[in-house]
Amino acid sequence: MERYSSSSQKMRHRSFLKYFVSVCLLFLIYQSIKTNSALEKLEKLNEIVSEKQIQLALLATSIPPTKSNDPIVVYAITPTYARPVQKAELTRISQTLALVPNIHWIVVEDSEEKTTIVKNLLNDLTYQYTHLVAKTPSIEKLKAQDPRWKKHRGVEQRNVALRWLRTNLVLNKDKGVVFFMDDDNTYSVKLFKEIEKVKRVGVWPVGLVGGYSVEAPELDPKTGKVVGFLSGWRSDRRFAIDMAGFGINLDLILSKPDVEFSYSAQKGFQESEFLVKFTTKEELEPLADNCTKVYVWHTRTEKPQIKKFVDGFEV
């Protein structure tokens, strides 16, 4: 009986041992499967992270870096007055300005009130503009038969625009260049890329003015500085330059709040007497490829001979 009991006990030990080994094997298999699953998950996670890193790298290369400085705004000041070609003139230059980034067009009517024709034109614009009015005193207005040089033109309008700038913008904060953009000239988009470069006072050639095919600053070939002016009229002026031939940094305009255009200026000297209060000839910045390229023309639309004004059209 004792012998039988001993044999039975041995069998139970063997069975337990087999059971224990089986459980251990199952546990090891389970751990192996679990580990493999975790490794697979880690691999997938690594793949996702790597893919996101690649996407971020591509995004970084596709987006241009943000400029630390504020954009340079060109403040283009345009005096205008009612006449049959007014809308045509303003339409032409407004569509040029539509191609210029960071433009602010300041249109000043020679009128007591804003006219419908100008308001409608400006309302269609997709860029920033300011619409002002300033009536020229009757004593300063040209009569029908007067030559264009007999009276100063655009004085009141340019001065009102300058006052608007000085009222609404802040010295050393707002960045820009001021350009006097008459409504009867023709402007290349390239001109505005040059205007943006102005640090203090920049200058460039103007085509079809003063009886010459072009008027331009003359440069010293060694220093590149302005030493004179190629001009068809009174080249001895301190600044023998057309209104369309220069731009002034906004900070200069804001730093001298009393400087304006004047009716008392000698005829033909409006630009010269204005610029002398801001700079010297030696300080001028020659632009447009060292004043060798023409990007603005002093064109003038022919005065039409109208026999009848047709009702119902805004021309």
Protein backbone atom coordinates (compact mmCIF):
# COMPACT_ATOMS: atom_id res chain seq x y z
CA MET A 1 0.00 0.00 0.00
CA GLU A 2 2.83 2.31 0.82
CA ARG A 3 4.47 1.38 -2.44
CA TYR A 4 1.34 2.24 -4.35
CA SER A 5 1.07 5.55 -2.59
CA SER A 6 4.66 6.45 -3.47
CA SER A 7 4.09 5.63 -7.11
CA SER A 8 0.94 7.70 -7.20
CA GLN A 9 2.72 10.65 -5.67
CA LYS A 10 5.42 10.48 -8.30
CA MET A 11 2.79 10.57 -11.02
CA ARG A 12 1.18 13.62 -9.44
CA HIS A 13 4.56 15.37 -9.33
CA ARG A 14 5.15 14.57 -12.98
CA SER A 15 1.71 15.85 -13.90
CA PHE A 16 2.26 19.02 -11.91
CA LEU A 17 5.66 19.49 -13.52
CA LYS A 18 4.17 19.07 -16.97
CA TYR A 19 1.42 21.50 -16.07
CA PHE A 20 3.90 24.02 -14.70
CA VAL A 21 6.11 23.75 -17.78
CA SER A 22 3.08 24.17 -20.02
CA VAL A 23 1.94 27.27 -18.14
CA CYS A 24 5.46 28.73 -18.32
CA LEU A 25 5.62 28.06 -22.04
CA LEU A 26 2.22 29.67 -22.55
CA PHE A 27 3.32 32.67 -20.49
CA LEU A 28 6.51 33.02 -22.51
CA ILE A 29 4.56 32.73 -25.77
CA TYR A 30 2.10 35.37 -24.51
CA GLN A 31 4.92 37.71 -23.51
CA SER A 32 6.56 37.18 -26.87
CA ILE A 33 3.35 38.02 -28.71
CA LYS A 34 2.79 41.04 -26.47
CA THR A 35 6.37 42.25 -27.00
CA ASN A 36 6.11 41.79 -30.76
CA SER A 37 2.84 43.74 -30.76
CA ALA A 38 4.45 46.53 -28.77
CA LEU A 39 7.41 46.59 -31.13
CA GLU A 40 5.08 46.79 -34.11
CA LYS A 41 3.25 49.68 -32.47
CA LEU A 42 6.54 51.45 -31.77
CA GLU A 43 7.61 50.95 -35.35
CA LYS A 44 4.31 52.36 -36.61
CA LEU A 45 4.64 55.30 -34.22
CA ASN A 46 8.17 55.94 -35.45
CA GLU A 47 6.90 55.87 -39.02
CA ILE A 48 4.16 58.40 -38.18
CA VAL A 49 6.63 60.70 -36.37
CA SER A 50 9.09 60.47 -39.28
CA GLU A 51 6.31 61.26 -41.77
CA LYS A 52 5.21 64.29 -39.73
CA GLN A 53 8.80 65.50 -39.51
CA ILE A 54 9.12 65.28 -43.28
CA GLN A 55 5.83 67.17 -43.73
CA LEU A 56 6.98 69.91 -41.36
CA ALA A 57 10.31 70.18 -43.16
CA LEU A 58 8.54 70.52 -46.51
CA LEU A 59 6.18 73.11 -45.04
CA ALA A 60 9.10 75.11 -43.69
CA THR A 61 10.73 75.19 -47.12
CA SER A 62 7.51 76.12 -48.95
CA ILE A 63 6.51 79.08 -46.75
CA PRO A 64 8.68 82.19 -47.20
CA PRO A 65 10.14 83.55 -43.97
CA THR A 66 8.13 86.30 -42.30
CA LYS A 67 9.75 89.68 -42.69
CA SER A 68 10.70 91.27 -39.43
CA ASN A 69 10.13 94.76 -40.79
CA ASP A 70 6.81 96.26 -41.77
CA PRO A 71 6.23 96.59 -45.53
CA ILE A 72 7.12 99.87 -47.22
CA VAL A 73 3.89 101.57 -48.30
CA VAL A 74 3.96 103.89 -51.31
CA TYR A 75 1.65 106.85 -50.66
CA ALA A 76 0.78 108.11 -54.14
CA ILE A 77 -0.77 111.59 -54.06
CA THR A 78 -2.90 112.49 -57.07
CA PRO A 79 -4.52 115.90 -57.51
CA THR A 80 -7.39 115.77 -60.01
CA TYR A 81 -10.04 118.09 -61.42
CA ALA A 82 -13.26 117.73 -63.42
CA ARG A 83 -12.82 117.61 -67.20
CA PRO A 84 -13.97 115.32 -70.03
CA VAL A 85 -10.88 113.06 -69.82
CA GLN A 86 -10.75 112.86 -66.01
CA LYS A 87 -12.27 109.39 -65.69
CA ALA A 88 -10.12 108.04 -68.52
CA GLU A 89 -6.95 109.41 -66.90
CA LEU A 90 -7.82 108.09 -63.44
CA THR A 91 -8.84 104.70 -64.84
CA ARG A 92 -5.49 104.28 -66.57
CA ILE A 93 -3.37 104.98 -63.51
CA SER A 94 -5.73 103.17 -61.12
CA GLN A 95 -5.19 99.97 -63.10
CA THR A 96 -1.43 100.44 -62.95
CA LEU A 97 -1.66 100.83 -59.18
CA ALA A 98 -3.70 97.62 -58.96
CA LEU A 99 -0.47 95.79 -59.88
CA VAL A 100 1.54 97.46 -57.11
CA PRO A 101 1.75 95.78 -53.68
CA ASN A 102 1.52 97.97 -50.57
CA ILE A 103 0.03 100.99 -52.33
CA HIS A 104 -2.11 103.68 -50.73
CA TRP A 105 -3.62 106.03 -53.30
CA ILE A 106 -4.58 109.48 -52.03
CA VAL A 107 -6.87 111.16 -54.56
CA VAL A 108 -7.63 114.84 -53.93
CA GLU A 109 -10.30 116.53 -56.01
CA ASP A 110 -10.18 120.23 -56.84
CA SER A 111 -13.73 120.57 -55.64
CA GLU A 112 -15.83 121.60 -52.66
CA GLU A 113 -17.50 118.18 -52.58
CA LYS A 114 -16.59 114.66 -53.61
CA THR A 115 -17.94 114.05 -57.10
CA THR A 116 -19.96 110.99 -58.09
CA ILE A 117 -17.68 110.09 -60.99
CA VAL A 118 -14.57 109.88 -58.76
CA LYS A 119 -16.41 108.16 -55.90
CA ASN A 120 -17.70 105.47 -58.26
CA LEU A 121 -14.25 104.87 -59.71
CA LEU A 122 -12.64 104.57 -56.28
CA ASN A 123 -15.37 102.29 -54.93
CA ASP A 124 -14.37 99.67 -57.51
CA LEU A 125 -10.77 99.50 -56.26
CA THR A 126 -9.44 96.49 -54.37
CA TYR A 127 -6.54 98.32 -52.71
CA GLN A 128 -6.30 101.05 -50.11
CA TYR A 129 -7.23 104.61 -51.03
CA THR A 130 -8.20 107.90 -49.42
CA HIS A 131 -10.57 110.35 -51.11
CA LEU A 132 -10.17 114.03 -50.20
CA VAL A 133 -11.27 117.40 -51.57
CA ALA A 134 -9.57 120.79 -51.63
CA LYS A 135 -10.83 123.68 -53.73
CA THR A 136 -8.22 125.86 -55.43
CA PRO A 137 -8.85 129.56 -54.69
CA SER A 138 -10.42 131.21 -57.74
CA ILE A 139 -7.57 133.74 -57.95
CA GLU A 140 -5.12 130.87 -58.43
CA LYS A 141 -7.10 129.07 -61.15
CA LEU A 142 -6.10 129.05 -64.79
CA LYS A 143 -8.49 130.74 -67.17
CA ALA A 144 -9.59 128.93 -70.34
CA GLN A 145 -7.00 130.59 -72.57
CA ASP A 146 -4.13 130.77 -70.08
CA PRO A 147 -0.95 128.79 -70.79
CA ARG A 148 -0.36 125.94 -68.31
CA TRP A 149 2.76 127.56 -66.87
CA LYS A 150 0.98 130.77 -65.84
CA LYS A 151 -0.40 129.37 -62.56
CA HIS A 152 0.73 126.78 -60.06
CA ARG A 153 -1.41 123.63 -60.30
CA GLY A 154 -2.22 121.11 -57.60
CA VAL A 155 -0.83 123.18 -54.71
CA GLU A 156 -3.97 123.06 -52.58
CA GLN A 157 -4.55 119.38 -53.27
CA ARG A 158 -1.00 118.24 -52.52
CA ASN A 159 -0.95 120.24 -49.30
CA VAL A 160 -4.21 118.70 -48.08
CA ALA A 161 -2.75 115.24 -48.77
CA LEU A 162 0.41 116.13 -46.81
CA ARG A 163 -1.74 117.27 -43.88
CA TRP A 164 -3.66 113.99 -44.02
CA LEU A 165 -0.41 112.03 -43.82
CA ARG A 166 0.80 114.09 -40.86
CA THR A 167 -2.52 113.70 -39.05
CA ASN A 168 -2.98 109.97 -39.59
CA LEU A 169 0.53 108.51 -39.60
CA VAL A 170 3.20 108.31 -36.90
CA LEU A 171 6.86 109.31 -37.23
CA ASN A 172 9.29 106.38 -36.87
CA LYS A 173 6.41 103.90 -36.76
CA ASP A 174 4.63 103.96 -40.12
CA LYS A 175 7.00 103.08 -42.96
CA GLY A 176 6.55 104.48 -46.44
CA VAL A 177 7.55 106.73 -49.31
CA VAL A 178 5.56 109.70 -50.60
CA PHE A 179 5.22 110.12 -54.36
CA PHE A 180 3.40 112.93 -56.17
CA MET A 181 1.53 111.12 -58.94
CA ASP A 182 -0.17 113.51 -61.36
CA ASP A 183 -3.20 112.07 -63.14
CA ASP A 184 -2.06 112.89 -66.67
CA ASN A 185 1.21 110.91 -66.66
CA THR A 186 1.95 107.31 -67.63
CA TYR A 187 3.62 105.04 -65.06
CA SER A 188 5.38 101.69 -65.32
CA VAL A 189 4.90 99.20 -62.50
CA LYS A 190 8.72 99.05 -62.36
CA LEU A 191 8.78 102.63 -61.06
CA PHE A 192 7.14 101.60 -57.80
CA LYS A 193 9.76 98.95 -57.16
CA GLU A 194 12.29 101.79 -57.33
CA ILE A 195 10.21 104.07 -55.09
CA GLU A 196 10.20 101.40 -52.36
CA LYS A 197 14.01 101.68 -52.20
CA VAL A 198 14.02 105.36 -51.16
CA LYS A 199 15.83 105.98 -47.86
CA ARG A 200 15.52 109.77 -47.81
CA VAL A 201 14.98 111.37 -51.24
CA GLY A 202 15.23 109.27 -54.41
CA VAL A 203 15.35 110.54 -57.99
CA TRP A 204 14.97 109.06 -61.49
CA PRO A 205 14.48 110.15 -65.12
CA VAL A 206 11.15 111.37 -66.56
CA GLY A 207 10.35 110.96 -70.23
CA LEU A 208 8.77 113.47 -72.60
CA VAL A 209 9.12 116.60 -70.50
CA GLY A 210 10.53 120.12 -70.87
CA GLY A 211 10.87 119.77 -74.62
CA TYR A 212 13.33 116.89 -74.20
CA SER A 213 12.75 113.21 -74.84
CA VAL A 214 13.89 112.72 -71.25
CA GLU A 215 15.00 114.81 -68.29
CA ALA A 216 17.33 113.10 -65.84
CA PRO A 217 19.76 113.67 -62.99
CA GLU A 218 23.40 113.68 -64.12
CA LEU A 219 25.80 111.54 -62.10
CA ASP A 220 29.50 111.71 -61.39
CA PRO A 221 30.88 108.53 -63.05
CA LYS A 222 33.38 108.03 -60.21
CA THR A 223 31.22 108.65 -57.15
CA GLY A 224 27.77 107.88 -58.56
CA LYS A 225 26.46 111.05 -56.88
CA VAL A 226 24.10 113.54 -58.52
CA VAL A 227 26.10 116.52 -59.78
CA GLY A 228 23.56 118.20 -62.06
CA PHE A 229 20.39 117.83 -64.10
CA LEU A 230 19.73 117.28 -67.78
CA SER A 231 16.73 119.57 -68.24
CA GLY A 232 15.02 121.39 -71.06
CA TRP A 233 14.28 124.41 -68.90
CA ARG A 234 16.34 126.28 -66.31
CA SER A 235 18.82 123.52 -65.53
CA ASP A 236 20.39 125.95 -63.05
CA ARG A 237 17.57 125.33 -60.57
CA ARG A 238 18.74 123.75 -57.29
CA PHE A 239 16.62 120.74 -58.26
CA ALA A 240 15.79 120.90 -61.97
CA ILE A 241 13.40 118.00 -61.77
CA ASP A 242 9.78 117.19 -62.63
CA MET A 243 7.16 116.41 -59.97
CA ALA A 244 7.12 112.80 -61.21
CA GLY A 245 10.90 112.46 -60.84
CA PHE A 246 11.34 112.07 -57.09
CA GLY A 247 10.05 110.32 -53.96
CA ILE A 248 10.48 111.31 -50.30
CA ASN A 249 10.66 108.98 -47.33
CA LEU A 250 7.58 109.30 -45.13
CA ASP A 251 9.65 109.98 -41.99
CA LEU A 252 11.12 113.09 -43.63
CA ILE A 253 7.63 114.35 -44.51
CA LEU A 254 6.39 113.71 -40.96
CA SER A 255 9.49 115.22 -39.33
CA LYS A 256 8.91 118.58 -41.04
CA PRO A 257 5.21 119.29 -40.44
CA ASP A 258 5.31 122.87 -41.72
CA VAL A 259 6.81 122.17 -45.14
CA GLU A 260 4.23 122.51 -47.92
CA PHE A 261 3.95 123.69 -51.51
CA SER A 262 3.48 127.43 -51.91
CA TYR A 263 1.67 129.74 -54.31
CA SER A 264 4.47 132.25 -53.71
CA ALA A 265 7.07 129.99 -55.32
CA GLN A 266 8.58 131.20 -58.58
CA LYS A 267 6.80 129.72 -61.60
CA GLY A 268 8.41 126.41 -62.53
CA PHE A 269 10.27 126.21 -59.21
CA GLN A 270 7.62 124.42 -57.15
CA GLU A 271 9.54 121.12 -57.00
CA SER A 272 12.89 122.80 -56.36
CA GLU A 273 11.66 125.01 -53.53
CA PHE A 274 9.92 122.04 -51.91
CA LEU A 275 12.91 119.67 -52.12
CA VAL A 276 15.44 122.18 -50.81
CA LYS A 277 13.72 121.96 -47.42
CA PHE A 278 14.39 118.23 -47.20
CA THR A 279 17.73 117.48 -48.82
CA THR A 280 20.78 118.62 -50.75
CA LYS A 281 21.79 117.67 -54.26
CA GLU A 282 24.67 115.59 -52.89
CA GLU A 283 22.31 113.55 -50.70
CA LEU A 284 19.97 112.53 -53.53
CA GLU A 285 19.67 108.80 -54.18
CA PRO A 286 19.87 107.98 -57.92
CA LEU A 287 17.52 105.10 -58.72
CA ALA A 288 16.26 103.36 -61.87
CA ASP A 289 19.63 101.76 -62.65
CA ASN A 290 21.65 104.88 -61.82
CA CYS A 291 19.13 107.09 -63.60
CA THR A 292 19.51 105.30 -66.94
CA LYS A 293 15.99 103.79 -67.16
CA VAL A 294 12.74 105.63 -67.86
CA TYR A 295 9.71 104.33 -65.97
CA VAL A 296 7.46 107.42 -66.05
CA TRP A 297 6.39 109.65 -68.93
CA HIS A 298 4.94 113.13 -68.84
CA THR A 299 2.17 112.27 -71.28
CA ARG A 300 -0.96 114.30 -71.71
CA THR A 301 -4.29 113.21 -73.13
CA GLU A 302 -5.40 115.36 -76.05
CA LYS A 303 -8.29 117.61 -75.19
CA PRO A 304 -11.26 116.15 -77.07
CA GLN A 305 -13.48 118.26 -79.29
CA ILE A 306 -16.91 117.30 -78.00
CA LYS A 307 -19.90 118.40 -80.04
CA LYS A 308 -22.51 116.94 -77.73
CA PHE A 309 -22.65 115.43 -74.24
CA VAL A 310 -24.93 112.40 -74.34
CA ASP A 311 -27.17 111.94 -71.33
CA GLY A 312 -27.24 108.69 -69.36
CA PHE A 313 -23.51 107.84 -69.52
CA GLU A 314 -20.75 108.35 -67.01
CA VAL A 315 -17.74 108.89 -69.27
